[in-house]
Amino acid sequence: QPPDRRLDFHTIPGTAKLPWWIFLPGLVLIIAILYWAQAVL
């Protein structure tokens, strides 16, 4: 049988799913940086 070619985040290297307790503060940090950098961006 041909190999299963479905895309799964766990099979693509470097795209493992982050836990929420790391993702949420990272998202807040990114939004804060973009807010403060808007004068330049």
ModelCIF file with pLDDT and N, C-alpha, C, O atoms, coordinates in Angstrom:
data_MODEL
#
_entry.id   MODEL 
#
_entity.id                         1 
_entity.type                       polymer 
_entity.pdbx_number_of_molecules   1 
#
_entity_poly.entity_id                      1 
_entity_poly.type                           'polypeptide(L)' 
_entity_poly.nstd_linkage                   no 
_entity_poly.nstd_monomer                   no 
_entity_poly.pdbx_seq_one_letter_code       QPPDRRLDFHTIPGTAKLPWWIFLPGLVLIIAILYWAQAVL 
_entity_poly.pdbx_seq_one_letter_code_can   QPPDRRLDFHTIPGTAKLPWWIFLPGLVLIIAILYWAQAVL 
_entity_poly.pdbx_strand_id                 A 
#
loop_
_entity_poly_seq.entity_id 
_entity_poly_seq.num 
_entity_poly_seq.mon_id 
_entity_poly_seq.hetero 
1 1  GLN n 
1 2  PRO n 
1 3  PRO n 
1 4  ASP n 
1 5  ARG n 
1 6  ARG n 
1 7  LEU n 
1 8  ASP n 
1 9  PHE n 
1 10 HIS n 
1 11 THR n 
1 12 ILE n 
1 13 PRO n 
1 14 GLY n 
1 15 THR n 
1 16 ALA n 
1 17 LYS n 
1 18 LEU n 
1 19 PRO n 
1 20 TRP n 
1 21 TRP n 
1 22 ILE n 
1 23 PHE n 
1 24 LEU n 
1 25 PRO n 
1 26 GLY n 
1 27 LEU n 
1 28 VAL n 
1 29 LEU n 
1 30 ILE n 
1 31 ILE n 
1 32 ALA n 
1 33 ILE n 
1 34 LEU n 
1 35 TYR n 
1 36 TRP n 
1 37 ALA n 
1 38 GLN n 
1 39 ALA n 
1 40 VAL n 
1 41 LEU n 
#
_struct_asym.id          A 
_struct_asym.entity_id   1 
#
loop_
_ma_qa_metric.id 
_ma_qa_metric.mode 
_ma_qa_metric.name 
_ma_qa_metric.software_group_id 
_ma_qa_metric.type 
1 global pLDDT . pLDDT 
2 local  pLDDT . pLDDT 
#
_ma_qa_metric_global.metric_id      1 
_ma_qa_metric_global.metric_value   75.02 
_ma_qa_metric_global.model_id       1 
_ma_qa_metric_global.ordinal_id     1 
#
loop_
_ma_qa_metric_local.label_asym_id 
_ma_qa_metric_local.label_comp_id 
_ma_qa_metric_local.label_seq_id 
_ma_qa_metric_local.metric_id 
_ma_qa_metric_local.metric_value 
_ma_qa_metric_local.model_id 
_ma_qa_metric_local.ordinal_id 
A GLN 1  2 66.00 1 1  
A PRO 2  2 64.00 1 2  
A PRO 3  2 61.00 1 3  
A ASP 4  2 57.00 1 4  
A ARG 5  2 57.00 1 5  
A ARG 6  2 56.00 1 6  
A LEU 7  2 51.00 1 7  
A ASP 8  2 50.00 1 8  
A PHE 9  2 49.00 1 9  
A HIS 10 2 49.00 1 10 
A THR 11 2 50.00 1 11 
A ILE 12 2 50.00 1 12 
A PRO 13 2 55.00 1 13 
A GLY 14 2 55.00 1 14 
A THR 15 2 53.00 1 15 
A ALA 16 2 63.00 1 16 
A LYS 17 2 74.00 1 17 
A LEU 18 2 72.00 1 18 
A PRO 19 2 78.00 1 19 
A TRP 20 2 76.00 1 20 
A TRP 21 2 79.00 1 21 
A ILE 22 2 82.00 1 22 
A PHE 23 2 82.00 1 23 
A LEU 24 2 86.00 1 24 
A PRO 25 2 87.00 1 25 
A GLY 26 2 88.00 1 26 
A LEU 27 2 89.00 1 27 
A VAL 28 2 92.00 1 28 
A LEU 29 2 93.00 1 29 
A ILE 30 2 93.00 1 30 
A ILE 31 2 94.00 1 31 
A ALA 32 2 93.00 1 32 
A ILE 33 2 94.00 1 33 
A LEU 34 2 92.00 1 34 
A TYR 35 2 91.00 1 35 
A TRP 36 2 92.00 1 36 
A ALA 37 2 93.00 1 37 
A GLN 38 2 91.00 1 38 
A ALA 39 2 92.00 1 39 
A VAL 40 2 94.00 1 40 
A LEU 41 2 93.00 1 41 
#
loop_
_atom_site.group_PDB 
_atom_site.id 
_atom_site.type_symbol 
_atom_site.label_atom_id 
_atom_site.label_alt_id 
_atom_site.label_comp_id 
_atom_site.label_asym_id 
_atom_site.label_entity_id 
_atom_site.label_seq_id 
_atom_site.pdbx_PDB_ins_code 
_atom_site.Cartn_x 
_atom_site.Cartn_y 
_atom_site.Cartn_z 
_atom_site.occupancy 
_atom_site.B_iso_or_equiv 
_atom_site.pdbx_formal_charge 
_atom_site.auth_seq_id 
_atom_site.auth_comp_id 
_atom_site.auth_asym_id 
_atom_site.auth_atom_id 
_atom_site.pdbx_PDB_model_num 
ATOM 1   N N  . GLN A 1 1  ? 0.856  -1.187 0.000  1.00 66.00 ? 1  GLN A N  1 
ATOM 2   C CA . GLN A 1 1  ? 0.000  0.000  0.000  1.00 66.00 ? 1  GLN A CA 1 
ATOM 3   C C  . GLN A 1 1  ? 0.889  1.233  0.000  1.00 66.00 ? 1  GLN A C  1 
ATOM 4   O O  . GLN A 1 1  ? 1.960  1.236  0.607  1.00 66.00 ? 1  GLN A O  1 
ATOM 5   N N  . PRO A 1 2  ? 0.437  2.290  -0.691 1.00 64.00 ? 2  PRO A N  1 
ATOM 6   C CA . PRO A 1 2  ? 1.260  3.512  -0.705 1.00 64.00 ? 2  PRO A CA 1 
ATOM 7   C C  . PRO A 1 2  ? 1.257  4.153  0.691  1.00 64.00 ? 2  PRO A C  1 
ATOM 8   O O  . PRO A 1 2  ? 0.294  4.007  1.443  1.00 64.00 ? 2  PRO A O  1 
ATOM 9   N N  . PRO A 1 3  ? 2.317  4.845  1.020  1.00 61.00 ? 3  PRO A N  1 
ATOM 10  C CA . PRO A 1 3  ? 2.383  5.469  2.352  1.00 61.00 ? 3  PRO A CA 1 
ATOM 11  C C  . PRO A 1 3  ? 1.316  6.562  2.484  1.00 61.00 ? 3  PRO A C  1 
ATOM 12  O O  . PRO A 1 3  ? 0.924  7.191  1.501  1.00 61.00 ? 3  PRO A O  1 
ATOM 13  N N  . ASP A 1 4  ? 0.863  6.767  3.708  1.00 57.00 ? 4  ASP A N  1 
ATOM 14  C CA . ASP A 1 4  ? -0.155 7.772  3.997  1.00 57.00 ? 4  ASP A CA 1 
ATOM 15  C C  . ASP A 1 4  ? 0.490  9.158  3.903  1.00 57.00 ? 4  ASP A C  1 
ATOM 16  O O  . ASP A 1 4  ? 1.440  9.456  4.626  1.00 57.00 ? 4  ASP A O  1 
ATOM 17  N N  . ARG A 1 5  ? -0.023 9.986  3.024  1.00 57.00 ? 5  ARG A N  1 
ATOM 18  C CA . ARG A 1 5  ? 0.588  11.294 2.772  1.00 57.00 ? 5  ARG A CA 1 
ATOM 19  C C  . ARG A 1 5  ? -0.214 12.448 3.401  1.00 57.00 ? 5  ARG A C  1 
ATOM 20  O O  . ARG A 1 5  ? -0.061 13.598 2.990  1.00 57.00 ? 5  ARG A O  1 
ATOM 21  N N  . ARG A 1 6  ? -1.058 12.152 4.382  1.00 56.00 ? 6  ARG A N  1 
ATOM 22  C CA . ARG A 1 6  ? -1.806 13.222 5.050  1.00 56.00 ? 6  ARG A CA 1 
ATOM 23  C C  . ARG A 1 6  ? -0.854 14.105 5.830  1.00 56.00 ? 6  ARG A C  1 
ATOM 24  O O  . ARG A 1 6  ? 0.131  13.637 6.402  1.00 56.00 ? 6  ARG A O  1 
ATOM 25  N N  . LEU A 1 7  ? -1.166 15.394 5.843  1.00 51.00 ? 7  LEU A N  1 
ATOM 26  C CA . LEU A 1 7  ? -0.344 16.325 6.606  1.00 51.00 ? 7  LEU A CA 1 
ATOM 27  C C  . LEU A 1 7  ? -0.734 16.261 8.068  1.00 51.00 ? 7  LEU A C  1 
ATOM 28  O O  . LEU A 1 7  ? -1.902 16.412 8.425  1.00 51.00 ? 7  LEU A O  1 
ATOM 29  N N  . ASP A 1 8  ? 0.234  16.040 8.883  1.00 50.00 ? 8  ASP A N  1 
ATOM 30  C CA . ASP A 1 8  ? 0.018  16.012 10.318 1.00 50.00 ? 8  ASP A CA 1 
ATOM 31  C C  . ASP A 1 8  ? 1.115  16.853 10.941 1.00 50.00 ? 8  ASP A C  1 
ATOM 32  O O  . ASP A 1 8  ? 2.286  16.714 10.590 1.00 50.00 ? 8  ASP A O  1 
ATOM 33  N N  . PHE A 1 9  ? 0.735  17.736 11.875 1.00 49.00 ? 9  PHE A N  1 
ATOM 34  C CA . PHE A 1 9  ? 1.720  18.633 12.463 1.00 49.00 ? 9  PHE A CA 1 
ATOM 35  C C  . PHE A 1 9  ? 2.814  17.880 13.215 1.00 49.00 ? 9  PHE A C  1 
ATOM 36  O O  . PHE A 1 9  ? 3.915  18.402 13.388 1.00 49.00 ? 9  PHE A O  1 
ATOM 37  N N  . HIS A 1 10 ? 2.532  16.695 13.650 1.00 49.00 ? 10 HIS A N  1 
ATOM 38  C CA . HIS A 1 10 ? 3.524  15.942 14.408 1.00 49.00 ? 10 HIS A CA 1 
ATOM 39  C C  . HIS A 1 10 ? 4.520  15.240 13.500 1.00 49.00 ? 10 HIS A C  1 
ATOM 40  O O  . HIS A 1 10 ? 5.577  14.814 13.966 1.00 49.00 ? 10 HIS A O  1 
ATOM 41  N N  . THR A 1 11 ? 4.206  15.109 12.207 1.00 50.00 ? 11 THR A N  1 
ATOM 42  C CA . THR A 1 11 ? 5.127  14.432 11.306 1.00 50.00 ? 11 THR A CA 1 
ATOM 43  C C  . THR A 1 11 ? 6.047  15.402 10.582 1.00 50.00 ? 11 THR A C  1 
ATOM 44  O O  . THR A 1 11 ? 7.099  14.996 10.088 1.00 50.00 ? 11 THR A O  1 
ATOM 45  N N  . ILE A 1 12 ? 5.672  16.681 10.507 1.00 50.00 ? 12 ILE A N  1 
ATOM 46  C CA . ILE A 1 12 ? 6.517  17.667 9.846  1.00 50.00 ? 12 ILE A CA 1 
ATOM 47  C C  . ILE A 1 12 ? 7.530  18.166 10.868 1.00 50.00 ? 12 ILE A C  1 
ATOM 48  O O  . ILE A 1 12 ? 7.146  18.641 11.937 1.00 50.00 ? 12 ILE A O  1 
ATOM 49  N N  . PRO A 1 13 ? 8.818  18.066 10.554 1.00 55.00 ? 13 PRO A N  1 
ATOM 50  C CA . PRO A 1 13 ? 9.823  18.480 11.530 1.00 55.00 ? 13 PRO A CA 1 
ATOM 51  C C  . PRO A 1 13 ? 9.723  19.976 11.838 1.00 55.00 ? 13 PRO A C  1 
ATOM 52  O O  . PRO A 1 13 ? 9.531  20.791 10.936 1.00 55.00 ? 13 PRO A O  1 
ATOM 53  N N  . GLY A 1 14 ? 9.855  20.323 13.106 1.00 55.00 ? 14 GLY A N  1 
ATOM 54  C CA . GLY A 1 14 ? 9.851  21.710 13.533 1.00 55.00 ? 14 GLY A CA 1 
ATOM 55  C C  . GLY A 1 14 ? 8.480  22.321 13.707 1.00 55.00 ? 14 GLY A C  1 
ATOM 56  O O  . GLY A 1 14 ? 8.378  23.515 13.991 1.00 55.00 ? 14 GLY A O  1 
ATOM 57  N N  . THR A 1 15 ? 7.415  21.539 13.546 1.00 53.00 ? 15 THR A N  1 
ATOM 58  C CA . THR A 1 15 ? 6.069  22.091 13.689 1.00 53.00 ? 15 THR A CA 1 
ATOM 59  C C  . THR A 1 15 ? 5.286  21.364 14.773 1.00 53.00 ? 15 THR A C  1 
ATOM 60  O O  . THR A 1 15 ? 4.065  21.237 14.672 1.00 53.00 ? 15 THR A O  1 
ATOM 61  N N  . ALA A 1 16 ? 5.954  20.897 15.783 1.00 63.00 ? 16 ALA A N  1 
ATOM 62  C CA . ALA A 1 16 ? 5.262  20.203 16.864 1.00 63.00 ? 16 ALA A CA 1 
ATOM 63  C C  . ALA A 1 16 ? 4.313  21.167 17.563 1.00 63.00 ? 16 ALA A C  1 
ATOM 64  O O  . ALA A 1 16 ? 4.582  22.366 17.637 1.00 63.00 ? 16 ALA A O  1 
ATOM 65  N N  . LYS A 1 17 ? 3.220  20.650 18.067 1.00 74.00 ? 17 LYS A N  1 
ATOM 66  C CA . LYS A 1 17 ? 2.195  21.461 18.713 1.00 74.00 ? 17 LYS A CA 1 
ATOM 67  C C  . LYS A 1 17 ? 2.718  21.976 20.054 1.00 74.00 ? 17 LYS A C  1 
ATOM 68  O O  . LYS A 1 17 ? 3.217  21.205 20.873 1.00 74.00 ? 17 LYS A O  1 
ATOM 69  N N  . LEU A 1 18 ? 2.596  23.288 20.268 1.00 72.00 ? 18 LEU A N  1 
ATOM 70  C CA . LEU A 1 18 ? 3.044  23.895 21.520 1.00 72.00 ? 18 LEU A CA 1 
ATOM 71  C C  . LEU A 1 18 ? 1.954  23.775 22.571 1.00 72.00 ? 18 LEU A C  1 
ATOM 72  O O  . LEU A 1 18 ? 0.771  23.840 22.237 1.00 72.00 ? 18 LEU A O  1 
ATOM 73  N N  . PRO A 1 19 ? 2.322  23.601 23.825 1.00 78.00 ? 19 PRO A N  1 
ATOM 74  C CA . PRO A 1 19 ? 1.314  23.619 24.885 1.00 78.00 ? 19 PRO A CA 1 
ATOM 75  C C  . PRO A 1 19 ? 0.739  25.027 25.035 1.00 78.00 ? 19 PRO A C  1 
ATOM 76  O O  . PRO A 1 19 ? 1.405  26.010 24.710 1.00 78.00 ? 19 PRO A O  1 
ATOM 77  N N  . TRP A 1 20 ? -0.490 25.123 25.524 1.00 76.00 ? 20 TRP A N  1 
ATOM 78  C CA . TRP A 1 20 ? -1.167 26.419 25.633 1.00 76.00 ? 20 TRP A CA 1 
ATOM 79  C C  . TRP A 1 20 ? -0.455 27.370 26.572 1.00 76.00 ? 20 TRP A C  1 
ATOM 80  O O  . TRP A 1 20 ? -0.509 28.583 26.373 1.00 76.00 ? 20 TRP A O  1 
ATOM 81  N N  . TRP A 1 21 ? 0.211  26.847 27.591 1.00 79.00 ? 21 TRP A N  1 
ATOM 82  C CA . TRP A 1 21 ? 0.858  27.716 28.571 1.00 79.00 ? 21 TRP A CA 1 
ATOM 83  C C  . TRP A 1 21 ? 2.127  28.349 28.022 1.00 79.00 ? 21 TRP A C  1 
ATOM 84  O O  . TRP A 1 21 ? 2.666  29.274 28.630 1.00 79.00 ? 21 TRP A O  1 
ATOM 85  N N  . ILE A 1 22 ? 2.613  27.868 26.881 1.00 82.00 ? 22 ILE A N  1 
ATOM 86  C CA . ILE A 1 22 ? 3.725  28.527 26.193 1.00 82.00 ? 22 ILE A CA 1 
ATOM 87  C C  . ILE A 1 22 ? 3.178  29.393 25.055 1.00 82.00 ? 22 ILE A C  1 
ATOM 88  O O  . ILE A 1 22 ? 3.665  30.500 24.826 1.00 82.00 ? 22 ILE A O  1 
ATOM 89  N N  . PHE A 1 23 ? 2.177  28.892 24.353 1.00 82.00 ? 23 PHE A N  1 
ATOM 90  C CA . PHE A 1 23 ? 1.630  29.593 23.194 1.00 82.00 ? 23 PHE A CA 1 
ATOM 91  C C  . PHE A 1 23 ? 0.956  30.899 23.583 1.00 82.00 ? 23 PHE A C  1 
ATOM 92  O O  . PHE A 1 23 ? 1.189  31.918 22.934 1.00 82.00 ? 23 PHE A O  1 
ATOM 93  N N  . LEU A 1 24 ? 0.129  30.900 24.623 1.00 86.00 ? 24 LEU A N  1 
ATOM 94  C CA . LEU A 1 24 ? -0.645 32.083 25.000 1.00 86.00 ? 24 LEU A CA 1 
ATOM 95  C C  . LEU A 1 24 ? 0.241  33.255 25.430 1.00 86.00 ? 24 LEU A C  1 
ATOM 96  O O  . LEU A 1 24 ? 0.044  34.358 24.921 1.00 86.00 ? 24 LEU A O  1 
ATOM 97  N N  . PRO A 1 25 ? 1.211  33.077 26.344 1.00 87.00 ? 25 PRO A N  1 
ATOM 98  C CA . PRO A 1 25 ? 2.084  34.218 26.665 1.00 87.00 ? 25 PRO A CA 1 
ATOM 99  C C  . PRO A 1 25 ? 2.929  34.665 25.471 1.00 87.00 ? 25 PRO A C  1 
ATOM 100 O O  . PRO A 1 25 ? 3.214  35.854 25.325 1.00 87.00 ? 25 PRO A O  1 
ATOM 101 N N  . GLY A 1 26 ? 3.326  33.730 24.628 1.00 88.00 ? 26 GLY A N  1 
ATOM 102 C CA . GLY A 1 26 ? 4.074  34.104 23.425 1.00 88.00 ? 26 GLY A CA 1 
ATOM 103 C C  . GLY A 1 26 ? 3.244  34.959 22.490 1.00 88.00 ? 26 GLY A C  1 
ATOM 104 O O  . GLY A 1 26 ? 3.743  35.927 21.915 1.00 88.00 ? 26 GLY A O  1 
ATOM 105 N N  . LEU A 1 27 ? 1.966  34.601 22.338 1.00 89.00 ? 27 LEU A N  1 
ATOM 106 C CA . LEU A 1 27 ? 1.055  35.382 21.500 1.00 89.00 ? 27 LEU A CA 1 
ATOM 107 C C  . LEU A 1 27 ? 0.849  36.780 22.073 1.00 89.00 ? 27 LEU A C  1 
ATOM 108 O O  . LEU A 1 27 ? 0.848  37.762 21.331 1.00 89.00 ? 27 LEU A O  1 
ATOM 109 N N  . VAL A 1 28 ? 0.677  36.871 23.387 1.00 92.00 ? 28 VAL A N  1 
ATOM 110 C CA . VAL A 1 28 ? 0.515  38.175 24.035 1.00 92.00 ? 28 VAL A CA 1 
ATOM 111 C C  . VAL A 1 28 ? 1.778  39.015 23.858 1.00 92.00 ? 28 VAL A C  1 
ATOM 112 O O  . VAL A 1 28 ? 1.692  40.218 23.611 1.00 92.00 ? 28 VAL A O  1 
ATOM 113 N N  . LEU A 1 29 ? 2.929  38.400 23.980 1.00 93.00 ? 29 LEU A N  1 
ATOM 114 C CA . LEU A 1 29 ? 4.194  39.116 23.805 1.00 93.00 ? 29 LEU A CA 1 
ATOM 115 C C  . LEU A 1 29 ? 4.340  39.633 22.376 1.00 93.00 ? 29 LEU A C  1 
ATOM 116 O O  . LEU A 1 29 ? 4.771  40.767 22.167 1.00 93.00 ? 29 LEU A O  1 
ATOM 117 N N  . ILE A 1 30 ? 3.992  38.824 21.413 1.00 93.00 ? 30 ILE A N  1 
ATOM 118 C CA . ILE A 1 30 ? 4.085  39.237 20.015 1.00 93.00 ? 30 ILE A CA 1 
ATOM 119 C C  . ILE A 1 30 ? 3.147  40.409 19.738 1.00 93.00 ? 30 ILE A C  1 
ATOM 120 O O  . ILE A 1 30 ? 3.531  41.365 19.064 1.00 93.00 ? 30 ILE A O  1 
ATOM 121 N N  . ILE A 1 31 ? 1.924  40.342 20.253 1.00 94.00 ? 31 ILE A N  1 
ATOM 122 C CA . ILE A 1 31 ? 0.963  41.437 20.049 1.00 94.00 ? 31 ILE A CA 1 
ATOM 123 C C  . ILE A 1 31 ? 1.462  42.715 20.712 1.00 94.00 ? 31 ILE A C  1 
ATOM 124 O O  . ILE A 1 31 ? 1.327  43.795 20.138 1.00 94.00 ? 31 ILE A O  1 
ATOM 125 N N  . ALA A 1 32 ? 2.035  42.614 21.906 1.00 93.00 ? 32 ALA A N  1 
ATOM 126 C CA . ALA A 1 32 ? 2.561  43.798 22.599 1.00 93.00 ? 32 ALA A CA 1 
ATOM 127 C C  . ALA A 1 32 ? 3.720  44.411 21.821 1.00 93.00 ? 32 ALA A C  1 
ATOM 128 O O  . ALA A 1 32 ? 3.804  45.633 21.700 1.00 93.00 ? 32 ALA A O  1 
ATOM 129 N N  . ILE A 1 33 ? 4.605  43.586 21.298 1.00 94.00 ? 33 ILE A N  1 
ATOM 130 C CA . ILE A 1 33 ? 5.737  44.087 20.518 1.00 94.00 ? 33 ILE A CA 1 
ATOM 131 C C  . ILE A 1 33 ? 5.242  44.786 19.255 1.00 94.00 ? 33 ILE A C  1 
ATOM 132 O O  . ILE A 1 33 ? 5.745  45.850 18.894 1.00 94.00 ? 33 ILE A O  1 
ATOM 133 N N  . LEU A 1 34 ? 4.260  44.190 18.586 1.00 92.00 ? 34 LEU A N  1 
ATOM 134 C CA . LEU A 1 34 ? 3.720  44.823 17.384 1.00 92.00 ? 34 LEU A CA 1 
ATOM 135 C C  . LEU A 1 34 ? 3.029  46.140 17.721 1.00 92.00 ? 34 LEU A C  1 
ATOM 136 O O  . LEU A 1 34 ? 3.105  47.090 16.942 1.00 92.00 ? 34 LEU A O  1 
ATOM 137 N N  . TYR A 1 35 ? 2.359  46.212 18.863 1.00 91.00 ? 35 TYR A N  1 
ATOM 138 C CA . TYR A 1 35 ? 1.694  47.455 19.270 1.00 91.00 ? 35 TYR A CA 1 
ATOM 139 C C  . TYR A 1 35 ? 2.713  48.568 19.492 1.00 91.00 ? 35 TYR A C  1 
ATOM 140 O O  . TYR A 1 35 ? 2.519  49.694 19.035 1.00 91.00 ? 35 TYR A O  1 
ATOM 141 N N  . TRP A 1 36 ? 3.799  48.250 20.193 1.00 92.00 ? 36 TRP A N  1 
ATOM 142 C CA . TRP A 1 36 ? 4.804  49.267 20.481 1.00 92.00 ? 36 TRP A CA 1 
ATOM 143 C C  . TRP A 1 36 ? 5.653  49.610 19.256 1.00 92.00 ? 36 TRP A C  1 
ATOM 144 O O  . TRP A 1 36 ? 6.200  50.710 19.172 1.00 92.00 ? 36 TRP A O  1 
ATOM 145 N N  . ALA A 1 37 ? 5.766  48.689 18.317 1.00 93.00 ? 37 ALA A N  1 
ATOM 146 C CA . ALA A 1 37 ? 6.596  48.929 17.139 1.00 93.00 ? 37 ALA A CA 1 
ATOM 147 C C  . ALA A 1 37 ? 5.810  49.524 15.979 1.00 93.00 ? 37 ALA A C  1 
ATOM 148 O O  . ALA A 1 37 ? 6.359  49.698 14.891 1.00 93.00 ? 37 ALA A O  1 
ATOM 149 N N  . GLN A 1 38 ? 4.547  49.836 16.189 1.00 91.00 ? 38 GLN A N  1 
ATOM 150 C CA . GLN A 1 38 ? 3.744  50.328 15.078 1.00 91.00 ? 38 GLN A CA 1 
ATOM 151 C C  . GLN A 1 38 ? 4.236  51.674 14.541 1.00 91.00 ? 38 GLN A C  1 
ATOM 152 O O  . GLN A 1 38 ? 4.014  51.985 13.371 1.00 91.00 ? 38 GLN A O  1 
ATOM 153 N N  . ALA A 1 39 ? 4.896  52.470 15.370 1.00 92.00 ? 39 ALA A N  1 
ATOM 154 C CA . ALA A 1 39 ? 5.437  53.752 14.901 1.00 92.00 ? 39 ALA A CA 1 
ATOM 155 C C  . ALA A 1 39 ? 6.505  53.533 13.835 1.00 92.00 ? 39 ALA A C  1 
ATOM 156 O O  . ALA A 1 39 ? 6.721  54.400 12.989 1.00 92.00 ? 39 ALA A O  1 
ATOM 157 N N  . VAL A 1 40 ? 7.160  52.406 13.867 1.00 94.00 ? 40 VAL A N  1 
ATOM 158 C CA . VAL A 1 40 ? 8.180  52.092 12.871 1.00 94.00 ? 40 VAL A CA 1 
ATOM 159 C C  . VAL A 1 40 ? 7.594  51.229 11.755 1.00 94.00 ? 40 VAL A C  1 
ATOM 160 O O  . VAL A 1 40 ? 7.918  51.425 10.584 1.00 94.00 ? 40 VAL A O  1 
ATOM 161 N N  . LEU A 1 41 ? 6.739  50.283 12.112 1.00 93.00 ? 41 LEU A N  1 
ATOM 162 C CA . LEU A 1 41 ? 6.242  49.322 11.137 1.00 93.00 ? 41 LEU A CA 1 
ATOM 163 C C  . LEU A 1 41 ? 5.259  49.920 10.135 1.00 93.00 ? 41 LEU A C  1 
ATOM 164 O O  . LEU A 1 41 ? 4.765  49.212 9.257  1.00 93.00 ? 41 LEU A O  1 
#
